[in-house]
Every structure is written in C-alpha cells, then in structure tokens.
Amino acid sequence: MTSKLSPNALSPRALYEEVAELLRQRIFRREMEPGSWIDELKLAQDYGISRTPLREALKVLAAEGLVTMKVRRGAYVTEVSERDLADVYHLLGLLEADAASVVATTASHETLQELKALHHKLEAAAAANDADQFFAINEHFHVRMLEVANNRWRVQLVTDLRKVMKLNRHNSLLKSGRIQESLDEHAAILKALLARDGAQSMQRMQEHFKNGLLAAA
C-alpha cells in the first residue's frame, strides 16, 4: 500500500527529494519494471501530492539515468542496453580499481580491519544464500572503500553509475554460482588490500567488475 506524503510538513525541495527516493527504491525493487510507463497522475494521487513535486522528482531520476523522458509520451523507467551496461561496468572498474589502489597504500590498520569485518559478514550472507543481504553488504564494502579513498568527485561519479547498474545488478547475483564467485573475488581484493599491494588491489578490482559484467549480461 502506498503511503501518502505530507507536503505541509516539508519544504518543496524536501518533498520532491523524498518522492525521488521513494520512486528510486521502487525501481530498484522492480516494482516499476525497466521500460514501463510511469503514470504520473496515479502516483500523484497515491502519494497525495500535486504533480509539480512529482515532475521535479522525475527530473532528478532522469538526471541519474533511472528514468527516460520521451517527448509527448511521458516518463519511462530506463531500459539498460548491453552497451549501456558494458560502459557502466567499464567506468566503475576504472574508478573503483583506482580507489582500491589508494586504500591499499594509505588506509590505516583499523580501516583495513573494518573492511575485513565486512568481508566476514559477506561470507555469512553467502553461506546463508541470502542474496538480498549479500547485495547490501557488498555495496557497503564498496562504498566504505570509496569513502576511505577520499575523492568526492570519484564518489559522486560512482554513486550515479551504481544507480544505473542497480537496474540490472541484483539479477546477476541470482545466477547460479555468482554469489560464490563474487565472494571469492572479494576475498582476493581483501587479500591484496591487507598486503598493501596497490597494483594487485587495482587488478583484482578490475577483474571483479569484468566478471560482474559477464554475469549481468
């Protein structure tokens, strides 16, 4: 059941951002399928808001690549082509591999132990065959590594690219054996990070994204 929002309790800016987040999560949960038309009137009625903040929210999602605006046809959930997916994974591989190299050579011992603890949680999720939990912890590991690498422009680029990747990414983990493969790749990345081997960390991260693309295609 869709809950109504309270425009009076929020500034106009906060309202459209909240609507954008609600729609973003519905897209990621596949409640709004790629390629599907977005019924603006129904959504506005469901949320109890005017169409103005809804349209502003859709503009935000369009800028992120999650929504495609078509002239005289309205808004649609973006369909990611094979080329789109390849381009996104390629860029993520480059950006996150560079971040891994930075983390390996500059992170504190405590930070590396934090990443090691996250990997142990990843192992537990894999053992339980819990794809949702595995996906969440996997993302947390990557986000934390980017934070440690401390380049806000890289974080911004990766954040936007990962939103597009999520249109397809979760399904790839459901493929037979992919969770274990991803876990093994993370173990190799962690080993290189703990060894403070920047070059090896970079290589392992690039391999991780190359294999991820093969599973997603």
C-alpha atoms as a PDB file:
ATOM      1  CA  MET A   1       0.000   0.000   0.000  1.00  0.00           C
ATOM      2  CA  THR A   2       1.367   3.400  -0.982  1.00  0.00           C
ATOM      3  CA  SER A   3       1.534   5.856   1.894  1.00  0.00           C
ATOM      4  CA  LYS A   4       0.574   9.479   1.372  1.00  0.00           C
ATOM      5  CA  LEU A   5       3.144  12.196   1.892  1.00  0.00           C
ATOM      6  CA  SER A   6       2.661  15.392   3.836  1.00  0.00           C
ATOM      7  CA  PRO A   7       3.566  18.459   1.755  1.00  0.00           C
ATOM      8  CA  ASN A   8       2.783  20.783   4.667  1.00  0.00           C
ATOM      9  CA  ALA A   9       5.425  19.173   6.873  1.00  0.00           C
ATOM     10  CA  LEU A  10       8.182  19.573   4.304  1.00  0.00           C
ATOM     11  CA  SER A  11       9.671  22.326   2.181  1.00  0.00           C
ATOM     12  CA  PRO A  12       9.015  21.966  -1.575  1.00  0.00           C
ATOM     13  CA  ARG A  13      12.626  20.906  -2.085  1.00  0.00           C
ATOM     14  CA  ALA A  14      12.463  18.244   0.623  1.00  0.00           C
ATOM     15  CA  LEU A  15       9.174  16.945  -0.780  1.00  0.00           C
ATOM     16  CA  TYR A  16      10.410  16.293  -4.315  1.00  0.00           C
ATOM     17  CA  GLU A  17      13.605  14.723  -2.951  1.00  0.00           C
ATOM     18  CA  GLU A  18      11.545  12.408  -0.770  1.00  0.00           C
ATOM     19  CA  VAL A  19       9.373  11.477  -3.738  1.00  0.00           C
ATOM     20  CA  ALA A  20      12.512  10.825  -5.809  1.00  0.00           C
ATOM     21  CA  GLU A  21      13.849   8.451  -3.151  1.00  0.00           C
ATOM     22  CA  LEU A  22      10.531   6.580  -2.908  1.00  0.00           C
ATOM     23  CA  LEU A  23      10.430   6.111  -6.677  1.00  0.00           C
ATOM     24  CA  ARG A  24      14.127   5.196  -6.781  1.00  0.00           C
ATOM     25  CA  GLN A  25      13.601   2.367  -4.304  1.00  0.00           C
ATOM     26  CA  ARG A  26      10.512   1.125  -6.161  1.00  0.00           C
ATOM     27  CA  ILE A  27      12.584   0.960  -9.334  1.00  0.00           C
ATOM     28  CA  PHE A  28      15.378  -0.922  -7.585  1.00  0.00           C
ATOM     29  CA  ARG A  29      12.840  -3.396  -6.111  1.00  0.00           C
ATOM     30  CA  ARG A  30      11.434  -3.983  -9.593  1.00  0.00           C
ATOM     31  CA  GLU A  31       8.009  -2.693  -8.546  1.00  0.00           C
ATOM     32  CA  MET A  32       8.461  -0.424 -11.560  1.00  0.00           C
ATOM     33  CA  GLU A  33       9.973  -2.533 -14.335  1.00  0.00           C
ATOM     34  CA  PRO A  34      12.527  -1.252 -16.865  1.00  0.00           C
ATOM     35  CA  GLY A  35      10.696   0.037 -19.907  1.00  0.00           C
ATOM     36  CA  SER A  36       7.419   0.589 -18.060  1.00  0.00           C
ATOM     37  CA  TRP A  37       5.470   3.835 -18.420  1.00  0.00           C
ATOM     38  CA  ILE A  38       5.220   5.956 -15.276  1.00  0.00           C
ATOM     39  CA  ASP A  39       1.638   7.009 -14.590  1.00  0.00           C
ATOM     40  CA  GLU A  40       2.180  10.464 -13.115  1.00  0.00           C
ATOM     41  CA  LEU A  41      -1.472  11.088 -12.315  1.00  0.00           C
ATOM     42  CA  LYS A  42      -1.853   7.826 -10.404  1.00  0.00           C
ATOM     43  CA  LEU A  43       1.383   8.334  -8.482  1.00  0.00           C
ATOM     44  CA  ALA A  44       0.369  11.867  -7.507  1.00  0.00           C
ATOM     45  CA  GLN A  45      -2.961  10.531  -6.267  1.00  0.00           C
ATOM     46  CA  ASP A  46      -1.324   7.628  -4.416  1.00  0.00           C
ATOM     47  CA  TYR A  47       1.097   9.936  -2.621  1.00  0.00           C
ATOM     48  CA  GLY A  48      -1.469  12.660  -2.033  1.00  0.00           C
ATOM     49  CA  ILE A  49       0.622  15.358  -3.720  1.00  0.00           C
ATOM     50  CA  SER A  50       0.373  17.659  -6.721  1.00  0.00           C
ATOM     51  CA  ARG A  51       2.089  16.766  -9.960  1.00  0.00           C
ATOM     52  CA  THR A  52       4.663  19.548  -9.549  1.00  0.00           C
ATOM     53  CA  PRO A  53       6.892  17.824  -6.938  1.00  0.00           C
ATOM     54  CA  LEU A  54       6.373  14.536  -8.764  1.00  0.00           C
ATOM     55  CA  ARG A  55       7.656  16.012 -12.005  1.00  0.00           C
ATOM     56  CA  GLU A  56      10.620  17.539 -10.183  1.00  0.00           C
ATOM     57  CA  ALA A  57      11.365  14.117  -8.707  1.00  0.00           C
ATOM     58  CA  LEU A  58      11.244  12.541 -12.155  1.00  0.00           C
ATOM     59  CA  LYS A  59      13.725  15.139 -13.407  1.00  0.00           C
ATOM     60  CA  VAL A  60      16.107  14.078 -10.620  1.00  0.00           C
ATOM     61  CA  LEU A  61      15.769  10.410 -11.597  1.00  0.00           C
ATOM     62  CA  ALA A  62      16.207  11.298 -15.270  1.00  0.00           C
ATOM     63  CA  ALA A  63      19.482  13.066 -14.433  1.00  0.00           C
ATOM     64  CA  GLU A  64      20.602   9.882 -12.643  1.00  0.00           C
ATOM     65  CA  GLY A  65      19.729   7.763 -15.672  1.00  0.00           C
ATOM     66  CA  LEU A  66      16.964   5.809 -13.924  1.00  0.00           C
ATOM     67  CA  VAL A  67      14.129   7.476 -15.825  1.00  0.00           C
ATOM     68  CA  THR A  68      13.887   8.354 -19.513  1.00  0.00           C
ATOM     69  CA  MET A  69      11.717  11.302 -20.575  1.00  0.00           C
ATOM     70  CA  LYS A  70      10.120  10.882 -24.011  1.00  0.00           C
ATOM     71  CA  VAL A  71       8.612  13.831 -25.882  1.00  0.00           C
ATOM     72  CA  ARG A  72       4.790  13.749 -25.824  1.00  0.00           C
ATOM     73  CA  ARG A  73       4.900  10.265 -24.289  1.00  0.00           C
ATOM     74  CA  GLY A  74       5.901  10.963 -20.700  1.00  0.00           C
ATOM     75  CA  ALA A  75       8.364   9.261 -18.368  1.00  0.00           C
ATOM     76  CA  TYR A  76       9.538   5.652 -18.514  1.00  0.00           C
ATOM     77  CA  VAL A  77      11.759   3.535 -16.299  1.00  0.00           C
ATOM     78  CA  THR A  78      15.058   3.312 -18.174  1.00  0.00           C
ATOM     79  CA  GLU A  79      15.900   0.134 -20.046  1.00  0.00           C
ATOM     80  CA  VAL A  80      19.625  -0.569 -19.895  1.00  0.00           C
ATOM     81  CA  SER A  81      21.065  -1.877 -23.145  1.00  0.00           C
ATOM     82  CA  GLU A  82      24.030  -4.243 -23.338  1.00  0.00           C
ATOM     83  CA  ARG A  83      26.168  -1.318 -24.480  1.00  0.00           C
ATOM     84  CA  ASP A  84      24.974   0.829 -21.563  1.00  0.00           C
ATOM     85  CA  LEU A  85      25.778  -1.945 -19.119  1.00  0.00           C
ATOM     86  CA  ALA A  86      29.231  -2.540 -20.614  1.00  0.00           C
ATOM     87  CA  ASP A  87      30.019   1.176 -20.454  1.00  0.00           C
ATOM     88  CA  VAL A  88      28.870   1.464 -16.829  1.00  0.00           C
ATOM     89  CA  TYR A  89      30.871  -1.562 -15.675  1.00  0.00           C
ATOM     90  CA  HIS A  90      33.936  -0.345 -17.570  1.00  0.00           C
ATOM     91  CA  LEU A  91      33.877   3.037 -15.843  1.00  0.00           C
ATOM     92  CA  LEU A  92      33.132   1.517 -12.439  1.00  0.00           C
ATOM     93  CA  GLY A  93      36.037  -0.864 -12.883  1.00  0.00           C
ATOM     94  CA  LEU A  94      38.411   2.000 -13.626  1.00  0.00           C
ATOM     95  CA  LEU A  95      37.189   4.254 -10.809  1.00  0.00           C
ATOM     96  CA  GLU A  96      36.949   1.620  -8.104  1.00  0.00           C
ATOM     97  CA  ALA A  97      40.201  -0.056  -9.095  1.00  0.00           C
ATOM     98  CA  ASP A  98      41.953   3.278  -8.644  1.00  0.00           C
ATOM     99  CA  ALA A  99      40.241   3.688  -5.265  1.00  0.00           C
ATOM    100  CA  ALA A 100      41.381   0.214  -4.217  1.00  0.00           C
ATOM    101  CA  SER A 101      44.975   1.144  -5.013  1.00  0.00           C
ATOM    102  CA  VAL A 102      44.687   4.253  -2.855  1.00  0.00           C
ATOM    103  CA  VAL A 103      43.151   2.318   0.039  1.00  0.00           C
ATOM    104  CA  ALA A 104      45.853  -0.356  -0.101  1.00  0.00           C
ATOM    105  CA  THR A 105      48.641   2.193   0.246  1.00  0.00           C
ATOM    106  CA  THR A 106      47.116   4.815   2.546  1.00  0.00           C
ATOM    107  CA  ALA A 107      44.425   3.249   4.771  1.00  0.00           C
ATOM    108  CA  SER A 108      45.064   2.778   8.474  1.00  0.00           C
ATOM    109  CA  HIS A 109      45.334  -0.669  10.029  1.00  0.00           C
ATOM    110  CA  GLU A 110      41.995  -0.080  11.767  1.00  0.00           C
ATOM    111  CA  THR A 111      40.284   0.745   8.482  1.00  0.00           C
ATOM    112  CA  LEU A 112      41.605  -2.373   6.806  1.00  0.00           C
ATOM    113  CA  GLN A 113      40.323  -4.412   9.734  1.00  0.00           C
ATOM    114  CA  GLU A 114      36.935  -2.765   9.261  1.00  0.00           C
ATOM    115  CA  LEU A 115      36.901  -3.903   5.630  1.00  0.00           C
ATOM    116  CA  LYS A 116      37.945  -7.370   6.768  1.00  0.00           C
ATOM    117  CA  ALA A 117      34.998  -7.468   9.173  1.00  0.00           C
ATOM    118  CA  LEU A 118      32.646  -6.507   6.349  1.00  0.00           C
ATOM    119  CA  HIS A 119      34.055  -9.373   4.300  1.00  0.00           C
ATOM    120  CA  HIS A 120      33.272 -11.793   7.132  1.00  0.00           C
ATOM    121  CA  LYS A 121      29.658 -10.559   7.055  1.00  0.00           C
ATOM    122  CA  LEU A 122      29.685 -11.127   3.311  1.00  0.00           C
ATOM    123  CA  GLU A 123      30.818 -14.708   3.906  1.00  0.00           C
ATOM    124  CA  ALA A 124      27.949 -15.248   6.349  1.00  0.00           C
ATOM    125  CA  ALA A 125      25.397 -13.938   3.860  1.00  0.00           C
ATOM    126  CA  ALA A 126      26.821 -16.196   1.150  1.00  0.00           C
ATOM    127  CA  ALA A 127      26.705 -19.204   3.475  1.00  0.00           C
ATOM    128  CA  ALA A 128      23.049 -18.454   4.175  1.00  0.00           C
ATOM    129  CA  ASN A 129      22.437 -17.976   0.428  1.00  0.00           C
ATOM    130  CA  ASP A 130      20.822 -14.641   1.281  1.00  0.00           C
ATOM    131  CA  ALA A 131      21.110 -12.652  -1.950  1.00  0.00           C
ATOM    132  CA  ASP A 132      19.480  -9.519  -0.524  1.00  0.00           C
ATOM    133  CA  GLN A 133      21.844  -9.379   2.431  1.00  0.00           C
ATOM    134  CA  PHE A 134      24.828 -10.251   0.274  1.00  0.00           C
ATOM    135  CA  PHE A 135      23.958  -7.431  -2.109  1.00  0.00           C
ATOM    136  CA  ALA A 136      23.594  -4.913   0.732  1.00  0.00           C
ATOM    137  CA  ILE A 137      26.888  -5.842   2.410  1.00  0.00           C
ATOM    138  CA  ASN A 138      28.680  -5.980  -0.934  1.00  0.00           C
ATOM    139  CA  GLU A 139      27.561  -2.433  -1.647  1.00  0.00           C
ATOM    140  CA  HIS A 140      28.576  -1.319   1.860  1.00  0.00           C
ATOM    141  CA  PHE A 141      32.086  -2.725   1.287  1.00  0.00           C
ATOM    142  CA  HIS A 142      32.491  -0.807  -1.968  1.00  0.00           C
ATOM    143  CA  VAL A 143      31.039   2.415  -0.563  1.00  0.00           C
ATOM    144  CA  ARG A 144      33.278   2.264   2.504  1.00  0.00           C
ATOM    145  CA  MET A 145      36.338   1.710   0.354  1.00  0.00           C
ATOM    146  CA  LEU A 146      35.441   4.754  -1.747  1.00  0.00           C
ATOM    147  CA  GLU A 147      34.989   6.844   1.400  1.00  0.00           C
ATOM    148  CA  VAL A 148      38.429   5.838   2.622  1.00  0.00           C
ATOM    149  CA  ALA A 149      39.984   6.692  -0.756  1.00  0.00           C
ATOM    150  CA  ASN A 150      38.592  10.188  -0.098  1.00  0.00           C
ATOM    151  CA  ASN A 151      37.919  11.699  -3.512  1.00  0.00           C
ATOM    152  CA  ARG A 152      34.475  13.285  -3.519  1.00  0.00           C
ATOM    153  CA  TRP A 153      34.343  13.579  -7.300  1.00  0.00           C
ATOM    154  CA  ARG A 154      35.007   9.867  -7.688  1.00  0.00           C
ATOM    155  CA  VAL A 155      32.348   9.128  -5.069  1.00  0.00           C
ATOM    156  CA  GLN A 156      29.836  11.260  -6.940  1.00  0.00           C
ATOM    157  CA  LEU A 157      30.563   9.559 -10.269  1.00  0.00           C
ATOM    158  CA  VAL A 158      30.459   6.057  -8.800  1.00  0.00           C
ATOM    159  CA  THR A 159      27.229   6.786  -6.919  1.00  0.00           C
ATOM    160  CA  ASP A 160      25.474   7.790 -10.135  1.00  0.00           C
ATOM    161  CA  LEU A 161      26.902   4.863 -12.108  1.00  0.00           C
ATOM    162  CA  ARG A 162      25.877   2.385  -9.419  1.00  0.00           C
ATOM    163  CA  LYS A 163      22.285   3.588  -9.610  1.00  0.00           C
ATOM    164  CA  VAL A 164      22.198   2.617 -13.266  1.00  0.00           C
ATOM    165  CA  MET A 165      23.966  -0.668 -12.505  1.00  0.00           C
ATOM    166  CA  LYS A 166      21.243  -1.488  -9.965  1.00  0.00           C
ATOM    167  CA  LEU A 167      18.702  -1.640 -12.766  1.00  0.00           C
ATOM    168  CA  ASN A 168      20.344  -4.947 -13.630  1.00  0.00           C
ATOM    169  CA  ARG A 169      22.837  -5.815 -10.890  1.00  0.00           C
ATOM    170  CA  HIS A 170      20.648  -7.697  -8.412  1.00  0.00           C
ATOM    171  CA  ASN A 171      19.502 -10.199 -11.016  1.00  0.00           C
ATOM    172  CA  SER A 172      23.106 -11.121 -11.800  1.00  0.00           C
ATOM    173  CA  LEU A 173      23.615 -12.365  -8.233  1.00  0.00           C
ATOM    174  CA  LEU A 174      20.752 -14.799  -8.685  1.00  0.00           C
ATOM    175  CA  LYS A 175      22.610 -16.634 -11.443  1.00  0.00           C
ATOM    176  CA  SER A 176      23.874 -19.999 -10.354  1.00  0.00           C
ATOM    177  CA  GLY A 177      27.243 -19.770  -8.607  1.00  0.00           C
ATOM    178  CA  ARG A 178      27.604 -15.987  -8.945  1.00  0.00           C
ATOM    179  CA  ILE A 179      27.372 -15.271  -5.211  1.00  0.00           C
ATOM    180  CA  GLN A 180      30.277 -17.636  -4.507  1.00  0.00           C
ATOM    181  CA  GLU A 181      32.274 -16.222  -7.419  1.00  0.00           C
ATOM    182  CA  SER A 182      31.703 -12.682  -6.178  1.00  0.00           C
ATOM    183  CA  LEU A 183      32.728 -13.728  -2.673  1.00  0.00           C
ATOM    184  CA  ASP A 184      35.949 -15.271  -3.983  1.00  0.00           C
ATOM    185  CA  GLU A 185      36.696 -12.078  -5.907  1.00  0.00           C
ATOM    186  CA  HIS A 186      36.135 -10.009  -2.773  1.00  0.00           C
ATOM    187  CA  ALA A 187      38.477 -12.315  -0.856  1.00  0.00           C
ATOM    188  CA  ALA A 188      41.181 -11.675  -3.472  1.00  0.00           C
ATOM    189  CA  ILE A 189      40.624  -7.916  -3.242  1.00  0.00           C
ATOM    190  CA  LEU A 190      40.810  -8.012   0.548  1.00  0.00           C
ATOM    191  CA  LYS A 191      43.991 -10.093   0.460  1.00  0.00           C
ATOM    192  CA  ALA A 192      45.657  -7.517  -1.787  1.00  0.00           C
ATOM    193  CA  LEU A 193      44.456  -4.648   0.414  1.00  0.00           C
ATOM    194  CA  LEU A 194      45.793  -6.313   3.579  1.00  0.00           C
ATOM    195  CA  ALA A 195      49.109  -6.901   1.818  1.00  0.00           C
ATOM    196  CA  ARG A 196      49.115  -3.180   0.970  1.00  0.00           C
ATOM    197  CA  ASP A 197      49.728  -4.066  -2.648  1.00  0.00           C
ATOM    198  CA  GLY A 198      48.286  -1.190  -4.677  1.00  0.00           C
ATOM    199  CA  ALA A 199      48.875  -2.733  -8.097  1.00  0.00           C
ATOM    200  CA  GLN A 200      47.374  -6.065  -7.096  1.00  0.00           C
ATOM    201  CA  SER A 201      44.386  -4.382  -5.452  1.00  0.00           C
ATOM    202  CA  MET A 202      43.747  -2.454  -8.656  1.00  0.00           C
ATOM    203  CA  GLN A 203      43.985  -5.576 -10.802  1.00  0.00           C
ATOM    204  CA  ARG A 204      41.696  -7.641  -8.561  1.00  0.00           C
ATOM    205  CA  MET A 205      39.063  -4.928  -8.525  1.00  0.00           C
ATOM    206  CA  GLN A 206      39.113  -4.628 -12.318  1.00  0.00           C
ATOM    207  CA  GLU A 207      38.709  -8.398 -12.593  1.00  0.00           C
ATOM    208  CA  HIS A 208      35.776  -8.219 -10.177  1.00  0.00           C
ATOM    209  CA  PHE A 209      33.912  -5.794 -12.431  1.00  0.00           C
ATOM    210  CA  LYS A 210      34.777  -7.692 -15.605  1.00  0.00           C
ATOM    211  CA  ASN A 211      33.313 -10.857 -14.106  1.00  0.00           C
ATOM    212  CA  GLY A 212      30.338  -8.913 -12.799  1.00  0.00           C
ATOM    213  CA  LEU A 213      29.588  -7.703 -16.312  1.00  0.00           C
ATOM    214  CA  LEU A 214      29.748 -11.256 -17.684  1.00  0.00           C
ATOM    215  CA  ALA A 215      27.227 -12.345 -15.045  1.00  0.00           C
ATOM    216  CA  ALA A 216      24.976  -9.363 -15.712  1.00  0.00           C
ATOM    217  CA  ALA A 217      24.945  -9.646 -19.493  1.00  0.00           C
END
